[in-house]
């Protein structure tokens, strides 16, 4: 789903008009209209604010390639149907939840904090998505707290 369609869908699901959403975001109604009609795209910081305002995970707004068949629940990397990208469970079977760079033999690769993971992965996101390092860090900082690994670690902390 394109970001404009996602914004419109979530806005309408919350019973908001374009004008009401615009007021909450401190932008014009025309800006919301241009986003929803895919005439312009909000920047990552605005996307984060839209996600918070509409109470949806950021990943529900950003456009993902059709070929993604899931996301690593640790780093957020998309799975593209390649079994080699999936990590392994303790019994050697492929993990449906975690990538090979985060998870092997039923355990996470080393002890690392979310900040450590962001520092390790941001350069790869930067290269693959053509965003700046700061934008990659910002995107990952918004997405990772909603993923299973970090939700469970937060619940146990």
C-alpha atoms as a PDB file:
ATOM      1  CA  UNK A   1       0.000   0.000   0.000  1.00  0.00           C
ATOM      2  CA  UNK A   2       1.383   3.408  -0.975  1.00  0.00           C
ATOM      3  CA  UNK A   3       1.958   5.812   1.897  1.00  0.00           C
ATOM      4  CA  UNK A   4      -0.779   8.185   0.704  1.00  0.00           C
ATOM      5  CA  UNK A   5      -3.347   5.403   0.678  1.00  0.00           C
ATOM      6  CA  UNK A   6      -2.148   4.225   4.092  1.00  0.00           C
ATOM      7  CA  UNK A   7      -2.520   7.714   5.589  1.00  0.00           C
ATOM      8  CA  UNK A   8      -6.019   8.084   4.134  1.00  0.00           C
ATOM      9  CA  UNK A   9      -7.081   4.609   5.299  1.00  0.00           C
ATOM     10  CA  UNK A  10      -5.872   5.094   8.887  1.00  0.00           C
ATOM     11  CA  UNK A  11      -7.197   8.670   9.049  1.00  0.00           C
ATOM     12  CA  UNK A  12     -10.660   7.559   7.972  1.00  0.00           C
ATOM     13  CA  UNK A  13     -10.583   4.557  10.332  1.00  0.00           C
ATOM     14  CA  UNK A  14     -10.140   7.045  13.189  1.00  0.00           C
ATOM     15  CA  UNK A  15     -12.992   9.209  11.928  1.00  0.00           C
ATOM     16  CA  UNK A  16     -10.778  12.188  11.181  1.00  0.00           C
ATOM     17  CA  UNK A  17     -11.174  14.630   8.321  1.00  0.00           C
ATOM     18  CA  UNK A  18      -8.120  15.902   6.457  1.00  0.00           C
ATOM     19  CA  UNK A  19      -8.577  19.213   8.249  1.00  0.00           C
ATOM     20  CA  UNK A  20      -8.629  17.552  11.692  1.00  0.00           C
ATOM     21  CA  UNK A  21      -5.510  15.504  10.955  1.00  0.00           C
ATOM     22  CA  UNK A  22      -3.785  18.603   9.591  1.00  0.00           C
ATOM     23  CA  UNK A  23      -4.504  20.510  12.832  1.00  0.00           C
ATOM     24  CA  UNK A  24      -3.067  17.666  14.920  1.00  0.00           C
ATOM     25  CA  UNK A  25       0.090  17.637  12.759  1.00  0.00           C
ATOM     26  CA  UNK A  26       0.415  21.445  12.527  1.00  0.00           C
ATOM     27  CA  UNK A  27       0.274  21.363   8.726  1.00  0.00           C
ATOM     28  CA  UNK A  28      -2.273  22.544   6.183  1.00  0.00           C
ATOM     29  CA  UNK A  29      -5.190  20.473   4.940  1.00  0.00           C
ATOM     30  CA  UNK A  30      -3.636  20.809   1.500  1.00  0.00           C
ATOM     31  CA  UNK A  31      -0.471  19.081   2.735  1.00  0.00           C
ATOM     32  CA  UNK A  32      -2.535  16.122   3.960  1.00  0.00           C
ATOM     33  CA  UNK A  33      -4.408  16.063   0.655  1.00  0.00           C
ATOM     34  CA  UNK A  34      -1.141  16.071  -1.342  1.00  0.00           C
ATOM     35  CA  UNK A  35       0.198  13.154   0.747  1.00  0.00           C
ATOM     36  CA  UNK A  36      -3.002  11.173   0.337  1.00  0.00           C
ATOM     37  CA  UNK A  37      -3.008  11.766  -3.426  1.00  0.00           C
ATOM     38  CA  UNK A  38       0.677  10.768  -3.665  1.00  0.00           C
ATOM     39  CA  UNK A  39       1.586  14.197  -5.033  1.00  0.00           C
ATOM     40  CA  UNK A  40       4.215  14.567  -2.293  1.00  0.00           C
ATOM     41  CA  UNK A  41       5.629  12.292   0.384  1.00  0.00           C
ATOM     42  CA  UNK A  42       6.098  13.338   4.002  1.00  0.00           C
ATOM     43  CA  UNK A  43       9.638  13.114   5.363  1.00  0.00           C
ATOM     44  CA  UNK A  44      10.579  10.451   7.889  1.00  0.00           C
ATOM     45  CA  UNK A  45      10.121  12.710  10.902  1.00  0.00           C
ATOM     46  CA  UNK A  46       6.642  13.671   9.715  1.00  0.00           C
ATOM     47  CA  UNK A  47       5.875   9.980   9.045  1.00  0.00           C
ATOM     48  CA  UNK A  48       6.807   9.235  12.652  1.00  0.00           C
ATOM     49  CA  UNK A  49       4.496  12.019  13.855  1.00  0.00           C
ATOM     50  CA  UNK A  50       1.673  10.766  11.596  1.00  0.00           C
ATOM     51  CA  UNK A  51       2.125   7.237  12.962  1.00  0.00           C
ATOM     52  CA  UNK A  52       1.940   8.475  16.557  1.00  0.00           C
ATOM     53  CA  UNK A  53      -1.045  10.708  15.799  1.00  0.00           C
ATOM     54  CA  UNK A  54      -2.954   7.905  14.051  1.00  0.00           C
ATOM     55  CA  UNK A  55      -1.767   5.351  16.644  1.00  0.00           C
ATOM     56  CA  UNK A  56      -0.313   2.926  14.089  1.00  0.00           C
ATOM     57  CA  UNK A  57       3.157   1.413  13.804  1.00  0.00           C
ATOM     58  CA  UNK A  58       5.385   3.334  11.406  1.00  0.00           C
ATOM     59  CA  UNK A  59       5.728   0.185   9.286  1.00  0.00           C
ATOM     60  CA  UNK A  60       1.999   0.438   8.502  1.00  0.00           C
ATOM     61  CA  UNK A  61       2.636   3.746   6.752  1.00  0.00           C
ATOM     62  CA  UNK A  62       5.861   3.243   4.844  1.00  0.00           C
ATOM     63  CA  UNK A  63       5.629   1.565   1.482  1.00  0.00           C
ATOM     64  CA  UNK A  64       7.193  -1.887   1.380  1.00  0.00           C
ATOM     65  CA  UNK A  65       8.043  -3.824  -1.766  1.00  0.00           C
ATOM     66  CA  UNK A  66       5.430  -6.387  -2.801  1.00  0.00           C
ATOM     67  CA  UNK A  67       8.042  -9.156  -2.659  1.00  0.00           C
ATOM     68  CA  UNK A  68       8.539  -8.913   1.130  1.00  0.00           C
ATOM     69  CA  UNK A  69       7.032 -11.934   2.841  1.00  0.00           C
ATOM     70  CA  UNK A  70       7.748 -10.843   6.414  1.00  0.00           C
ATOM     71  CA  UNK A  71      10.164  -8.912   8.586  1.00  0.00           C
ATOM     72  CA  UNK A  72      12.844  -9.891  11.066  1.00  0.00           C
ATOM     73  CA  UNK A  73      11.348  -9.250  14.476  1.00  0.00           C
ATOM     74  CA  UNK A  74      14.734  -8.076  15.750  1.00  0.00           C
ATOM     75  CA  UNK A  75      16.193  -5.714  13.108  1.00  0.00           C
ATOM     76  CA  UNK A  76      13.206  -5.128  10.810  1.00  0.00           C
ATOM     77  CA  UNK A  77      14.912  -6.439   7.668  1.00  0.00           C
ATOM     78  CA  UNK A  78      12.471  -7.696   5.056  1.00  0.00           C
ATOM     79  CA  UNK A  79      12.426 -11.319   3.974  1.00  0.00           C
ATOM     80  CA  UNK A  80      12.241 -11.601   0.198  1.00  0.00           C
ATOM     81  CA  UNK A  81      11.419 -15.286  -0.130  1.00  0.00           C
ATOM     82  CA  UNK A  82      15.086 -16.248   0.222  1.00  0.00           C
ATOM     83  CA  UNK A  83      15.431 -19.026   2.814  1.00  0.00           C
ATOM     84  CA  UNK A  84      19.099 -18.092   3.271  1.00  0.00           C
ATOM     85  CA  UNK A  85      18.053 -14.838   4.989  1.00  0.00           C
ATOM     86  CA  UNK A  86      16.124 -16.627   7.733  1.00  0.00           C
ATOM     87  CA  UNK A  87      17.887 -17.461  10.991  1.00  0.00           C
ATOM     88  CA  UNK A  88      17.735 -20.939  12.491  1.00  0.00           C
ATOM     89  CA  UNK A  89      15.884 -22.324  15.478  1.00  0.00           C
ATOM     90  CA  UNK A  90      17.577 -24.593  18.035  1.00  0.00           C
ATOM     91  CA  UNK A  91      16.471 -27.667  16.053  1.00  0.00           C
ATOM     92  CA  UNK A  92      18.063 -26.291  12.863  1.00  0.00           C
ATOM     93  CA  UNK A  93      14.781 -25.360  11.177  1.00  0.00           C
ATOM     94  CA  UNK A  94      14.363 -21.942   9.583  1.00  0.00           C
ATOM     95  CA  UNK A  95      13.019 -19.222  11.827  1.00  0.00           C
ATOM     96  CA  UNK A  96       9.925 -17.433  10.546  1.00  0.00           C
ATOM     97  CA  UNK A  97      10.597 -14.500  12.858  1.00  0.00           C
ATOM     98  CA  UNK A  98      14.305 -13.674  12.776  1.00  0.00           C
ATOM     99  CA  UNK A  99      17.003 -13.180  10.132  1.00  0.00           C
ATOM    100  CA  UNK A 100      20.293 -15.020   9.914  1.00  0.00           C
ATOM    101  CA  UNK A 101      22.240 -11.912  10.996  1.00  0.00           C
ATOM    102  CA  UNK A 102      20.271 -11.672  14.258  1.00  0.00           C
ATOM    103  CA  UNK A 103      19.441 -15.269  15.159  1.00  0.00           C
ATOM    104  CA  UNK A 104      21.271 -18.610  14.863  1.00  0.00           C
ATOM    105  CA  UNK A 105      20.664 -21.965  16.542  1.00  0.00           C
ATOM    106  CA  UNK A 106      17.779 -20.607  18.594  1.00  0.00           C
ATOM    107  CA  UNK A 107      19.669 -17.667  20.080  1.00  0.00           C
ATOM    108  CA  UNK A 108      20.380 -14.051  19.247  1.00  0.00           C
ATOM    109  CA  UNK A 109      23.851 -13.331  17.904  1.00  0.00           C
ATOM    110  CA  UNK A 110      25.655 -11.865  20.891  1.00  0.00           C
ATOM    111  CA  UNK A 111      24.374  -9.603  23.594  1.00  0.00           C
ATOM    112  CA  UNK A 112      23.503  -6.259  22.084  1.00  0.00           C
ATOM    113  CA  UNK A 113      21.192  -3.472  23.045  1.00  0.00           C
ATOM    114  CA  UNK A 114      18.740  -1.898  20.634  1.00  0.00           C
ATOM    115  CA  UNK A 115      21.143   1.030  20.281  1.00  0.00           C
ATOM    116  CA  UNK A 116      23.986  -1.378  19.431  1.00  0.00           C
ATOM    117  CA  UNK A 117      21.804  -3.043  16.789  1.00  0.00           C
ATOM    118  CA  UNK A 118      20.868   0.320  15.279  1.00  0.00           C
ATOM    119  CA  UNK A 119      24.526   1.335  15.136  1.00  0.00           C
ATOM    120  CA  UNK A 120      25.403  -1.982  13.446  1.00  0.00           C
ATOM    121  CA  UNK A 121      22.511  -1.959  10.947  1.00  0.00           C
ATOM    122  CA  UNK A 122      22.063   1.736  10.069  1.00  0.00           C
ATOM    123  CA  UNK A 123      24.886   1.732   7.468  1.00  0.00           C
ATOM    124  CA  UNK A 124      23.229  -1.194   5.653  1.00  0.00           C
ATOM    125  CA  UNK A 125      19.852   0.558   5.670  1.00  0.00           C
ATOM    126  CA  UNK A 126      21.524   3.733   4.488  1.00  0.00           C
ATOM    127  CA  UNK A 127      23.082   1.896   1.551  1.00  0.00           C
ATOM    128  CA  UNK A 128      20.008  -0.103   0.561  1.00  0.00           C
ATOM    129  CA  UNK A 129      17.422   2.680   0.886  1.00  0.00           C
ATOM    130  CA  UNK A 130      19.588   5.690  -0.075  1.00  0.00           C
ATOM    131  CA  UNK A 131      18.782   7.668   3.064  1.00  0.00           C
ATOM    132  CA  UNK A 132      21.253   9.520   5.260  1.00  0.00           C
ATOM    133  CA  UNK A 133      22.788   7.866   8.315  1.00  0.00           C
ATOM    134  CA  UNK A 134      20.697  10.116  10.567  1.00  0.00           C
ATOM    135  CA  UNK A 135      17.497   9.140   8.727  1.00  0.00           C
ATOM    136  CA  UNK A 136      18.390   5.438   8.953  1.00  0.00           C
ATOM    137  CA  UNK A 137      18.945   5.762  12.700  1.00  0.00           C
ATOM    138  CA  UNK A 138      15.681   7.676  13.037  1.00  0.00           C
ATOM    139  CA  UNK A 139      13.701   5.091  11.055  1.00  0.00           C
ATOM    140  CA  UNK A 140      15.159   2.178  13.005  1.00  0.00           C
ATOM    141  CA  UNK A 141      14.601   4.004  16.296  1.00  0.00           C
ATOM    142  CA  UNK A 142      10.933   4.341  15.400  1.00  0.00           C
ATOM    143  CA  UNK A 143      10.426   0.792  14.103  1.00  0.00           C
ATOM    144  CA  UNK A 144      12.482  -1.449  16.383  1.00  0.00           C
ATOM    145  CA  UNK A 145      10.595  -0.816  19.653  1.00  0.00           C
ATOM    146  CA  UNK A 146       7.493  -2.335  17.996  1.00  0.00           C
ATOM    147  CA  UNK A 147       9.204  -5.586  17.007  1.00  0.00           C
ATOM    148  CA  UNK A 148       8.798  -8.807  18.992  1.00  0.00           C
ATOM    149  CA  UNK A 149      12.367  -9.037  20.307  1.00  0.00           C
ATOM    150  CA  UNK A 150      12.329  -5.572  21.800  1.00  0.00           C
ATOM    151  CA  UNK A 151       8.735  -5.809  23.028  1.00  0.00           C
ATOM    152  CA  UNK A 152       9.627  -9.004  24.937  1.00  0.00           C
ATOM    153  CA  UNK A 153      12.855  -7.546  26.298  1.00  0.00           C
ATOM    154  CA  UNK A 154      10.978  -4.431  27.394  1.00  0.00           C
ATOM    155  CA  UNK A 155       8.358  -6.565  29.133  1.00  0.00           C
ATOM    156  CA  UNK A 156      11.025  -8.531  31.003  1.00  0.00           C
ATOM    157  CA  UNK A 157      13.029  -5.445  31.997  1.00  0.00           C
END
